[in-house]
């Protein structure tokens, strides 16, 4: 399970980075780009940390996924738009569950 979770960190980081870039390209939203790339950077750091300490890296990735799920839940509540908030809530929740299961 750890191997799958470690791969999932990278996949989730790519999804978050691409989402931020799309937000910037579609809406010229610099905050989307900054937050997407920043979150992806945190996830890449989590993956690097996980190379030496899987529980620490997975803990960082789990915390990031939970924070992103909350941020997008707030955004969905404000905007009532399913894209991208709804999709990112689902992706973040799946990632959080995967990372939490791998920690146990």
N, C-alpha and C. Protein backbone atom coordinates (compact mmCIF):
# COMPACT_ATOMS: atom_id res chain seq x y z
N UNK A 1 0.82 -1.19 0.00
CA UNK A 1 0.00 0.00 0.00
C UNK A 1 0.86 1.26 0.00
N UNK A 2 2.00 1.19 0.69
CA UNK A 2 2.89 2.36 0.72
C UNK A 2 3.37 2.74 -0.67
N UNK A 3 3.69 1.76 -1.48
CA UNK A 3 4.19 2.05 -2.83
C UNK A 3 3.12 2.77 -3.64
N UNK A 4 1.88 2.32 -3.52
CA UNK A 4 0.78 2.97 -4.24
C UNK A 4 0.60 4.40 -3.74
N UNK A 5 0.65 4.58 -2.42
CA UNK A 5 0.48 5.91 -1.83
C UNK A 5 1.60 6.85 -2.26
N UNK A 6 2.81 6.34 -2.36
CA UNK A 6 3.94 7.18 -2.76
C UNK A 6 3.79 7.64 -4.21
N UNK A 7 3.29 6.75 -5.06
CA UNK A 7 3.01 7.13 -6.45
C UNK A 7 1.86 8.14 -6.48
N UNK A 8 0.86 7.91 -5.63
CA UNK A 8 -0.30 8.80 -5.59
C UNK A 8 0.08 10.22 -5.18
N UNK A 9 1.10 10.36 -4.34
CA UNK A 9 1.55 11.71 -3.97
C UNK A 9 1.98 12.48 -5.21
N UNK A 10 2.75 11.83 -6.06
CA UNK A 10 3.24 12.48 -7.28
C UNK A 10 2.09 12.77 -8.24
N UNK A 11 1.19 11.82 -8.41
CA UNK A 11 0.03 12.02 -9.30
C UNK A 11 -0.83 13.17 -8.79
N UNK A 12 -1.06 13.20 -7.49
CA UNK A 12 -1.86 14.28 -6.89
C UNK A 12 -1.15 15.62 -7.04
N UNK A 13 0.16 15.65 -6.88
CA UNK A 13 0.93 16.88 -7.06
C UNK A 13 0.78 17.40 -8.49
N UNK A 14 0.85 16.51 -9.45
CA UNK A 14 0.68 16.90 -10.86
C UNK A 14 -0.72 17.44 -11.10
N UNK A 15 -1.73 16.76 -10.55
CA UNK A 15 -3.12 17.22 -10.71
C UNK A 15 -3.30 18.62 -10.13
N UNK A 16 -2.74 18.86 -8.96
CA UNK A 16 -2.87 20.17 -8.31
C UNK A 16 -2.15 21.25 -9.12
N UNK A 17 -0.96 20.94 -9.60
CA UNK A 17 -0.19 21.91 -10.40
C UNK A 17 -0.91 22.24 -11.71
N UNK A 18 -1.39 21.21 -12.38
CA UNK A 18 -2.11 21.43 -13.64
C UNK A 18 -3.39 22.22 -13.40
N UNK A 19 -4.08 21.92 -12.32
CA UNK A 19 -5.29 22.66 -11.98
C UNK A 19 -5.00 24.14 -11.76
N UNK A 20 -3.92 24.43 -11.06
CA UNK A 20 -3.53 25.83 -10.85
C UNK A 20 -3.19 26.53 -12.16
N UNK A 21 -2.50 25.82 -13.03
CA UNK A 21 -2.14 26.39 -14.34
C UNK A 21 -3.38 26.63 -15.20
N UNK A 22 -4.32 25.70 -15.17
CA UNK A 22 -5.56 25.88 -15.93
C UNK A 22 -6.35 27.06 -15.38
N UNK A 23 -6.40 27.19 -14.06
CA UNK A 23 -7.08 28.33 -13.45
C UNK A 23 -6.47 29.65 -13.90
N UNK A 24 -5.16 29.67 -14.01
CA UNK A 24 -4.48 30.87 -14.48
C UNK A 24 -4.79 31.15 -15.95
N UNK A 25 -4.73 30.12 -16.77
CA UNK A 25 -4.95 30.29 -18.20
C UNK A 25 -6.39 30.67 -18.52
N UNK A 26 -7.35 30.08 -17.82
CA UNK A 26 -8.77 30.35 -18.11
C UNK A 26 -9.24 31.67 -17.53
N UNK A 27 -8.79 31.99 -16.32
CA UNK A 27 -9.33 33.16 -15.61
C UNK A 27 -8.28 34.22 -15.32
N UNK A 28 -7.06 33.98 -15.79
CA UNK A 28 -5.95 34.88 -15.48
C UNK A 28 -5.78 35.07 -13.97
N UNK A 29 -6.06 33.97 -13.24
CA UNK A 29 -6.01 34.00 -11.78
C UNK A 29 -4.60 33.65 -11.30
N UNK A 30 -3.87 34.68 -10.88
CA UNK A 30 -2.52 34.45 -10.38
C UNK A 30 -2.54 33.65 -9.09
N UNK A 31 -3.58 33.86 -8.26
CA UNK A 31 -3.67 33.13 -7.00
C UNK A 31 -3.85 31.64 -7.25
N UNK A 32 -4.58 31.27 -8.32
CA UNK A 32 -4.72 29.85 -8.67
C UNK A 32 -3.37 29.25 -9.03
N UNK A 33 -2.62 29.97 -9.82
CA UNK A 33 -1.30 29.49 -10.23
C UNK A 33 -0.38 29.36 -9.03
N UNK A 34 -0.33 30.38 -8.20
CA UNK A 34 0.55 30.36 -7.03
C UNK A 34 0.15 29.26 -6.05
N UNK A 35 -1.15 29.16 -5.76
CA UNK A 35 -1.58 28.15 -4.80
C UNK A 35 -1.43 26.74 -5.36
N UNK A 36 -1.69 26.58 -6.65
CA UNK A 36 -1.52 25.26 -7.27
C UNK A 36 -0.07 24.81 -7.28
N UNK A 37 0.81 25.70 -7.70
CA UNK A 37 2.24 25.34 -7.74
C UNK A 37 2.81 25.20 -6.34
N UNK A 38 2.35 26.05 -5.42
CA UNK A 38 2.82 25.95 -4.04
C UNK A 38 2.39 24.65 -3.38
N UNK A 39 1.14 24.27 -3.59
CA UNK A 39 0.65 23.00 -3.04
C UNK A 39 1.37 21.82 -3.67
N UNK A 40 1.60 21.90 -4.97
CA UNK A 40 2.34 20.83 -5.65
C UNK A 40 3.76 20.71 -5.11
N UNK A 41 4.37 21.85 -4.82
CA UNK A 41 5.73 21.84 -4.25
C UNK A 41 5.74 21.17 -2.87
N UNK A 42 4.72 21.48 -2.06
CA UNK A 42 4.62 20.83 -0.74
C UNK A 42 4.48 19.32 -0.91
N UNK A 43 3.68 18.90 -1.88
CA UNK A 43 3.50 17.47 -2.12
C UNK A 43 4.78 16.81 -2.63
N UNK A 44 5.54 17.49 -3.45
CA UNK A 44 6.82 16.93 -3.92
C UNK A 44 7.80 16.82 -2.75
N UNK A 45 7.81 17.82 -1.89
CA UNK A 45 8.64 17.74 -0.69
C UNK A 45 8.19 16.54 0.17
N UNK A 46 6.88 16.35 0.27
CA UNK A 46 6.36 15.21 1.03
C UNK A 46 6.86 13.89 0.44
N UNK A 47 6.88 13.81 -0.88
CA UNK A 47 7.37 12.59 -1.54
C UNK A 47 8.86 12.38 -1.28
N UNK A 48 9.63 13.46 -1.30
CA UNK A 48 11.07 13.35 -1.02
C UNK A 48 11.29 12.92 0.42
N UNK A 49 10.55 13.51 1.34
CA UNK A 49 10.66 13.14 2.76
C UNK A 49 10.27 11.68 2.93
N UNK A 50 9.25 11.24 2.20
CA UNK A 50 8.78 9.86 2.30
C UNK A 50 9.83 8.84 1.86
N UNK A 51 10.80 9.27 1.09
CA UNK A 51 11.89 8.36 0.68
C UNK A 51 12.68 7.87 1.89
N UNK A 52 12.85 8.74 2.87
CA UNK A 52 13.59 8.38 4.08
C UNK A 52 12.68 8.02 5.24
N UNK A 53 11.53 8.66 5.30
CA UNK A 53 10.59 8.43 6.39
C UNK A 53 9.17 8.42 5.82
N UNK A 54 8.71 7.23 5.41
CA UNK A 54 7.39 7.16 4.79
C UNK A 54 6.26 7.76 5.62
N UNK A 55 6.29 7.54 6.91
CA UNK A 55 5.20 8.07 7.74
C UNK A 55 5.21 9.59 7.78
N UNK A 56 6.37 10.20 7.82
CA UNK A 56 6.46 11.67 7.83
C UNK A 56 5.99 12.24 6.48
N UNK A 57 6.45 11.66 5.39
CA UNK A 57 6.05 12.13 4.07
C UNK A 57 4.56 11.96 3.83
N UNK A 58 4.03 10.81 4.23
CA UNK A 58 2.60 10.58 4.06
C UNK A 58 1.79 11.51 4.96
N UNK A 59 2.32 11.83 6.13
CA UNK A 59 1.65 12.77 7.02
C UNK A 59 1.57 14.16 6.42
N UNK A 60 2.65 14.59 5.79
CA UNK A 60 2.65 15.90 5.12
C UNK A 60 1.65 15.90 3.96
N UNK A 61 1.67 14.84 3.17
CA UNK A 61 0.74 14.74 2.03
C UNK A 61 -0.70 14.69 2.52
N UNK A 62 -0.96 13.98 3.60
CA UNK A 62 -2.30 13.90 4.17
C UNK A 62 -2.77 15.27 4.63
N UNK A 63 -1.91 16.00 5.32
CA UNK A 63 -2.27 17.34 5.79
C UNK A 63 -2.57 18.26 4.61
N UNK A 64 -1.77 18.18 3.57
CA UNK A 64 -1.99 19.01 2.38
C UNK A 64 -3.32 18.67 1.72
N UNK A 65 -3.63 17.38 1.59
CA UNK A 65 -4.88 16.96 0.97
C UNK A 65 -6.09 17.43 1.78
N UNK A 66 -6.00 17.36 3.10
CA UNK A 66 -7.09 17.81 3.96
C UNK A 66 -7.29 19.32 3.81
N UNK A 67 -6.18 20.07 3.85
CA UNK A 67 -6.28 21.53 3.70
C UNK A 67 -6.89 21.88 2.35
N UNK A 68 -6.46 21.23 1.29
CA UNK A 68 -7.01 21.53 -0.04
C UNK A 68 -8.49 21.16 -0.13
N UNK A 69 -8.88 20.05 0.48
CA UNK A 69 -10.30 19.68 0.49
C UNK A 69 -11.13 20.75 1.18
N UNK A 70 -10.63 21.27 2.29
CA UNK A 70 -11.35 22.32 3.03
C UNK A 70 -11.41 23.60 2.20
N UNK A 71 -10.30 23.99 1.61
CA UNK A 71 -10.26 25.21 0.79
C UNK A 71 -11.26 25.11 -0.36
N UNK A 72 -11.29 23.98 -1.03
CA UNK A 72 -12.20 23.83 -2.15
C UNK A 72 -13.65 23.68 -1.70
N UNK A 73 -13.89 23.14 -0.52
CA UNK A 73 -15.25 23.07 0.01
C UNK A 73 -15.78 24.49 0.28
N UNK A 74 -14.92 25.33 0.84
CA UNK A 74 -15.30 26.73 1.08
C UNK A 74 -15.57 27.43 -0.25
N UNK A 75 -14.71 27.18 -1.22
CA UNK A 75 -14.89 27.80 -2.55
C UNK A 75 -16.18 27.33 -3.21
N UNK A 76 -16.49 26.04 -3.11
CA UNK A 76 -17.72 25.51 -3.68
C UNK A 76 -18.94 26.13 -3.01
N UNK A 77 -18.86 26.29 -1.71
CA UNK A 77 -19.98 26.90 -0.98
C UNK A 77 -20.21 28.35 -1.41
N UNK A 78 -19.11 29.06 -1.67
CA UNK A 78 -19.22 30.46 -2.10
C UNK A 78 -19.72 30.60 -3.53
N UNK A 79 -19.11 29.83 -4.44
CA UNK A 79 -19.39 30.02 -5.87
C UNK A 79 -20.52 29.15 -6.39
N UNK A 80 -20.79 28.05 -5.73
CA UNK A 80 -21.79 27.08 -6.19
C UNK A 80 -21.44 26.47 -7.55
N UNK A 81 -20.17 26.58 -7.95
CA UNK A 81 -19.72 26.02 -9.22
C UNK A 81 -18.99 24.71 -8.96
N UNK A 82 -19.45 23.66 -9.64
CA UNK A 82 -18.86 22.34 -9.43
C UNK A 82 -17.44 22.24 -9.99
N UNK A 83 -17.14 23.01 -11.01
CA UNK A 83 -15.79 23.00 -11.59
C UNK A 83 -15.06 24.27 -11.17
N UNK A 84 -13.91 24.19 -10.64
CA UNK A 84 -13.10 23.02 -10.33
C UNK A 84 -13.27 22.52 -8.89
N UNK A 85 -14.02 23.28 -8.08
CA UNK A 85 -14.07 22.99 -6.65
C UNK A 85 -14.57 21.58 -6.34
N UNK A 86 -15.66 21.18 -6.97
CA UNK A 86 -16.21 19.85 -6.69
C UNK A 86 -15.26 18.73 -7.05
N UNK A 87 -14.65 18.87 -8.20
CA UNK A 87 -13.69 17.86 -8.66
C UNK A 87 -12.49 17.77 -7.70
N UNK A 88 -12.01 18.93 -7.28
CA UNK A 88 -10.85 18.94 -6.38
C UNK A 88 -11.20 18.44 -4.98
N UNK A 89 -12.45 18.66 -4.55
CA UNK A 89 -12.87 18.09 -3.26
C UNK A 89 -12.80 16.57 -3.33
N UNK A 90 -13.35 16.02 -4.40
CA UNK A 90 -13.35 14.56 -4.57
C UNK A 90 -11.92 14.03 -4.66
N UNK A 91 -11.09 14.67 -5.49
CA UNK A 91 -9.70 14.23 -5.65
C UNK A 91 -8.94 14.33 -4.33
N UNK A 92 -9.16 15.41 -3.60
CA UNK A 92 -8.47 15.61 -2.32
C UNK A 92 -8.95 14.61 -1.28
N UNK A 93 -10.24 14.31 -1.28
CA UNK A 93 -10.77 13.33 -0.33
C UNK A 93 -10.23 11.94 -0.62
N UNK A 94 -10.19 11.58 -1.89
CA UNK A 94 -9.63 10.26 -2.26
C UNK A 94 -8.16 10.19 -1.86
N UNK A 95 -7.41 11.25 -2.16
CA UNK A 95 -5.99 11.28 -1.80
C UNK A 95 -5.82 11.19 -0.29
N UNK A 96 -6.64 11.93 0.46
CA UNK A 96 -6.53 11.92 1.92
C UNK A 96 -6.79 10.53 2.49
N UNK A 97 -7.82 9.85 1.98
CA UNK A 97 -8.12 8.50 2.44
C UNK A 97 -6.98 7.55 2.11
N UNK A 98 -6.46 7.65 0.91
CA UNK A 98 -5.35 6.79 0.49
C UNK A 98 -4.12 7.01 1.38
N UNK A 99 -3.79 8.29 1.64
CA UNK A 99 -2.64 8.58 2.47
C UNK A 99 -2.86 8.13 3.91
N UNK A 100 -4.07 8.30 4.41
CA UNK A 100 -4.38 7.88 5.79
C UNK A 100 -4.31 6.37 5.94
N UNK A 101 -4.85 5.64 4.96
CA UNK A 101 -4.79 4.17 5.01
C UNK A 101 -3.35 3.70 4.96
N UNK A 102 -2.53 4.34 4.14
CA UNK A 102 -1.12 3.95 4.04
C UNK A 102 -0.37 4.22 5.34
N UNK A 103 -0.81 5.24 6.08
CA UNK A 103 -0.17 5.54 7.37
C UNK A 103 -0.47 4.48 8.42
N UNK A 104 -1.64 3.87 8.31
CA UNK A 104 -2.06 2.87 9.30
C UNK A 104 -1.49 1.55 8.95
